[in-house]
Amino acid sequence: MISSKTGINIPWVTEMRYLWVYFVQSNILKCSLTVAKRGFYWAANSIFGKIGRSASEEVILQLISSKCIVILLYGLEVLPMQKYQLNSLDFVNIYIVQLCQELVQFDLPSVHLARRQKVCLDKF
């Protein structure tokens, strides 16, 4: 057990949450995408539950892009992402996204993340 300066025991954990980003125990800086994916699905299901089939595909995709992708990618632009994690982000809705890409130029989450990382790096 590790103790703080004041004698309080600090438990050893395999996962830690900081600003809604879950870091996992690893030799390198690594985050868990499980909670982010769960939030994405929750938000997408909420949108589908509220509007159902009454809205056009363009409206649904715009809502998913503006509300759900933000939840999926929150805080990830400043973290080093491994290839399997990027593939995992893209697989969230890969079939739907591939269809939408052709119809209305809807980008994969990894493309959104690359854009956000570039903006973040350009600021510093």
C-alpha atoms as a PDB file:
ATOM      1  CA  MET A   1       0.000   0.000   0.000  1.00  0.00           C
ATOM      2  CA  ILE A   2       1.197   3.487  -0.790  1.00  0.00           C
ATOM      3  CA  SER A   3       0.614   6.170   1.834  1.00  0.00           C
ATOM      4  CA  SER A   4       0.259   9.898   1.377  1.00  0.00           C
ATOM      5  CA  LYS A   5       2.267  12.446   3.333  1.00  0.00           C
ATOM      6  CA  THR A   6      -0.580  12.699   5.848  1.00  0.00           C
ATOM      7  CA  GLY A   7      -0.716   8.913   6.336  1.00  0.00           C
ATOM      8  CA  ILE A   8      -3.804   8.197   4.214  1.00  0.00           C
ATOM      9  CA  ASN A   9      -3.542   4.914   2.318  1.00  0.00           C
ATOM     10  CA  ILE A  10      -3.749   5.286  -1.461  1.00  0.00           C
ATOM     11  CA  PRO A  11      -5.232   2.160  -3.082  1.00  0.00           C
ATOM     12  CA  TRP A  12      -3.565   0.643  -6.142  1.00  0.00           C
ATOM     13  CA  VAL A  13      -6.076   0.519  -9.013  1.00  0.00           C
ATOM     14  CA  THR A  14      -5.992  -0.698 -12.605  1.00  0.00           C
ATOM     15  CA  GLU A  15      -8.174   2.124 -13.932  1.00  0.00           C
ATOM     16  CA  MET A  16      -8.501   5.790 -12.999  1.00  0.00           C
ATOM     17  CA  ARG A  17     -10.953   8.455 -14.155  1.00  0.00           C
ATOM     18  CA  TYR A  18      -9.805  12.026 -14.666  1.00  0.00           C
ATOM     19  CA  LEU A  19     -12.120  14.542 -16.375  1.00  0.00           C
ATOM     20  CA  TRP A  20     -14.208  11.685 -17.806  1.00  0.00           C
ATOM     21  CA  VAL A  21     -11.209  10.070 -19.490  1.00  0.00           C
ATOM     22  CA  TYR A  22     -10.398   6.622 -18.103  1.00  0.00           C
ATOM     23  CA  PHE A  23      -6.694   5.840 -17.864  1.00  0.00           C
ATOM     24  CA  VAL A  24      -5.661   2.206 -17.530  1.00  0.00           C
ATOM     25  CA  GLN A  25      -2.630   0.623 -15.932  1.00  0.00           C
ATOM     26  CA  SER A  26       0.077   0.217 -18.564  1.00  0.00           C
ATOM     27  CA  ASN A  27       3.746   0.814 -19.277  1.00  0.00           C
ATOM     28  CA  ILE A  28       2.723   3.644 -21.583  1.00  0.00           C
ATOM     29  CA  LEU A  29       0.040   6.333 -21.297  1.00  0.00           C
ATOM     30  CA  LYS A  30      -3.115   4.511 -22.309  1.00  0.00           C
ATOM     31  CA  CYS A  31      -6.823   5.163 -21.971  1.00  0.00           C
ATOM     32  CA  SER A  32      -9.890   2.939 -22.015  1.00  0.00           C
ATOM     33  CA  LEU A  33     -12.491   3.648 -24.670  1.00  0.00           C
ATOM     34  CA  THR A  34     -15.211   1.497 -23.097  1.00  0.00           C
ATOM     35  CA  VAL A  35     -16.977   4.336 -21.277  1.00  0.00           C
ATOM     36  CA  ALA A  36     -16.667   6.647 -24.303  1.00  0.00           C
ATOM     37  CA  LYS A  37     -18.264   4.011 -26.544  1.00  0.00           C
ATOM     38  CA  ARG A  38     -21.013   3.432 -24.004  1.00  0.00           C
ATOM     39  CA  GLY A  39     -21.699   7.183 -23.959  1.00  0.00           C
ATOM     40  CA  PHE A  40     -21.770   7.266 -27.761  1.00  0.00           C
ATOM     41  CA  TYR A  41     -24.317   4.440 -27.931  1.00  0.00           C
ATOM     42  CA  TRP A  42     -26.387   6.009 -25.150  1.00  0.00           C
ATOM     43  CA  ALA A  43     -26.518   9.367 -26.985  1.00  0.00           C
ATOM     44  CA  ALA A  44     -27.228   7.748 -30.370  1.00  0.00           C
ATOM     45  CA  ASN A  45     -30.022   5.610 -28.901  1.00  0.00           C
ATOM     46  CA  SER A  46     -31.462   8.705 -27.219  1.00  0.00           C
ATOM     47  CA  ILE A  47     -31.557  10.496 -30.570  1.00  0.00           C
ATOM     48  CA  PHE A  48     -33.183   7.520 -32.282  1.00  0.00           C
ATOM     49  CA  GLY A  49     -35.638   7.155 -29.402  1.00  0.00           C
ATOM     50  CA  LYS A  50     -36.714  10.804 -29.579  1.00  0.00           C
ATOM     51  CA  ILE A  51     -36.971  11.300 -33.324  1.00  0.00           C
ATOM     52  CA  GLY A  52     -37.439   7.736 -34.547  1.00  0.00           C
ATOM     53  CA  ARG A  53     -37.902   7.628 -38.293  1.00  0.00           C
ATOM     54  CA  SER A  54     -39.609  11.000 -38.536  1.00  0.00           C
ATOM     55  CA  ALA A  55     -36.400  12.891 -39.437  1.00  0.00           C
ATOM     56  CA  SER A  56     -34.418  12.628 -42.645  1.00  0.00           C
ATOM     57  CA  GLU A  57     -31.112  10.766 -42.806  1.00  0.00           C
ATOM     58  CA  GLU A  58     -29.223  14.060 -43.131  1.00  0.00           C
ATOM     59  CA  VAL A  59     -30.738  15.375 -39.899  1.00  0.00           C
ATOM     60  CA  ILE A  60     -29.972  12.154 -38.025  1.00  0.00           C
ATOM     61  CA  LEU A  61     -26.381  12.147 -39.266  1.00  0.00           C
ATOM     62  CA  GLN A  62     -25.928  15.799 -38.345  1.00  0.00           C
ATOM     63  CA  LEU A  63     -27.229  15.110 -34.833  1.00  0.00           C
ATOM     64  CA  ILE A  64     -24.946  12.086 -34.447  1.00  0.00           C
ATOM     65  CA  SER A  65     -22.003  14.086 -35.744  1.00  0.00           C
ATOM     66  CA  SER A  66     -22.622  17.077 -33.490  1.00  0.00           C
ATOM     67  CA  LYS A  67     -23.773  15.274 -30.320  1.00  0.00           C
ATOM     68  CA  CYS A  68     -22.501  11.672 -30.307  1.00  0.00           C
ATOM     69  CA  ILE A  69     -19.078  11.873 -31.977  1.00  0.00           C
ATOM     70  CA  VAL A  70     -18.145  14.601 -29.486  1.00  0.00           C
ATOM     71  CA  ILE A  71     -18.851  12.191 -26.615  1.00  0.00           C
ATOM     72  CA  LEU A  72     -16.845   9.432 -28.295  1.00  0.00           C
ATOM     73  CA  LEU A  73     -13.793  11.629 -28.905  1.00  0.00           C
ATOM     74  CA  TYR A  74     -13.839  13.702 -25.696  1.00  0.00           C
ATOM     75  CA  GLY A  75     -10.274  14.370 -24.540  1.00  0.00           C
ATOM     76  CA  LEU A  76      -8.657  11.937 -26.963  1.00  0.00           C
ATOM     77  CA  GLU A  77      -6.964  14.552 -29.138  1.00  0.00           C
ATOM     78  CA  VAL A  78      -4.240  15.064 -26.524  1.00  0.00           C
ATOM     79  CA  LEU A  79      -3.552  11.365 -25.945  1.00  0.00           C
ATOM     80  CA  PRO A  80      -1.355   9.062 -28.006  1.00  0.00           C
ATOM     81  CA  MET A  81      -3.647   6.567 -29.688  1.00  0.00           C
ATOM     82  CA  GLN A  82      -2.561   3.162 -30.899  1.00  0.00           C
ATOM     83  CA  LYS A  83      -3.721   1.702 -34.207  1.00  0.00           C
ATOM     84  CA  TYR A  84      -6.031  -0.855 -32.578  1.00  0.00           C
ATOM     85  CA  GLN A  85      -7.699   1.930 -30.556  1.00  0.00           C
ATOM     86  CA  LEU A  86      -8.334   3.988 -33.700  1.00  0.00           C
ATOM     87  CA  ASN A  87      -9.788   0.906 -35.385  1.00  0.00           C
ATOM     88  CA  SER A  88     -11.931   0.361 -32.312  1.00  0.00           C
ATOM     89  CA  LEU A  89     -13.307   3.907 -32.594  1.00  0.00           C
ATOM     90  CA  ASP A  90     -14.088   3.414 -36.271  1.00  0.00           C
ATOM     91  CA  PHE A  91     -15.793   0.091 -35.608  1.00  0.00           C
ATOM     92  CA  VAL A  92     -18.389   1.721 -33.345  1.00  0.00           C
ATOM     93  CA  ASN A  93     -20.655   2.127 -36.366  1.00  0.00           C
ATOM     94  CA  ILE A  94     -18.443   1.178 -39.308  1.00  0.00           C
ATOM     95  CA  TYR A  95     -21.205  -0.268 -41.482  1.00  0.00           C
ATOM     96  CA  ILE A  96     -23.514   2.714 -41.031  1.00  0.00           C
ATOM     97  CA  VAL A  97     -20.633   5.137 -41.419  1.00  0.00           C
ATOM     98  CA  GLN A  98     -19.466   3.524 -44.676  1.00  0.00           C
ATOM     99  CA  LEU A  99     -22.926   3.894 -46.157  1.00  0.00           C
ATOM    100  CA  CYS A 100     -23.202   7.461 -44.951  1.00  0.00           C
ATOM    101  CA  GLN A 101     -19.746   8.371 -46.202  1.00  0.00           C
ATOM    102  CA  GLU A 102     -20.842   7.600 -49.723  1.00  0.00           C
ATOM    103  CA  LEU A 103     -24.155   9.437 -49.437  1.00  0.00           C
ATOM    104  CA  VAL A 104     -23.380  12.563 -47.432  1.00  0.00           C
ATOM    105  CA  GLN A 105     -19.606  12.556 -46.896  1.00  0.00           C
ATOM    106  CA  PHE A 106     -19.753  11.488 -43.233  1.00  0.00           C
ATOM    107  CA  ASP A 107     -16.213  10.954 -41.858  1.00  0.00           C
ATOM    108  CA  LEU A 108     -14.950   8.122 -39.655  1.00  0.00           C
ATOM    109  CA  PRO A 109     -14.259   8.943 -35.989  1.00  0.00           C
ATOM    110  CA  SER A 110     -10.514   8.457 -36.585  1.00  0.00           C
ATOM    111  CA  VAL A 111     -10.642  11.186 -39.263  1.00  0.00           C
ATOM    112  CA  HIS A 112     -12.440  13.520 -36.833  1.00  0.00           C
ATOM    113  CA  LEU A 113      -9.823  12.705 -34.191  1.00  0.00           C
ATOM    114  CA  ALA A 114      -6.931  13.388 -36.588  1.00  0.00           C
ATOM    115  CA  ARG A 115      -8.446  16.784 -37.383  1.00  0.00           C
ATOM    116  CA  ARG A 116      -8.891  17.603 -33.700  1.00  0.00           C
ATOM    117  CA  GLN A 117      -5.322  16.500 -32.910  1.00  0.00           C
ATOM    118  CA  LYS A 118      -3.983  18.767 -35.657  1.00  0.00           C
ATOM    119  CA  VAL A 119      -5.926  21.740 -34.263  1.00  0.00           C
ATOM    120  CA  CYS A 120      -4.680  20.950 -30.743  1.00  0.00           C
ATOM    121  CA  LEU A 121      -1.064  20.659 -31.896  1.00  0.00           C
ATOM    122  CA  ASP A 122      -1.318  23.850 -33.975  1.00  0.00           C
ATOM    123  CA  LYS A 123      -2.328  25.774 -30.829  1.00  0.00           C
ATOM    124  CA  PHE A 124       0.858  24.742 -29.052  1.00  0.00           C
END
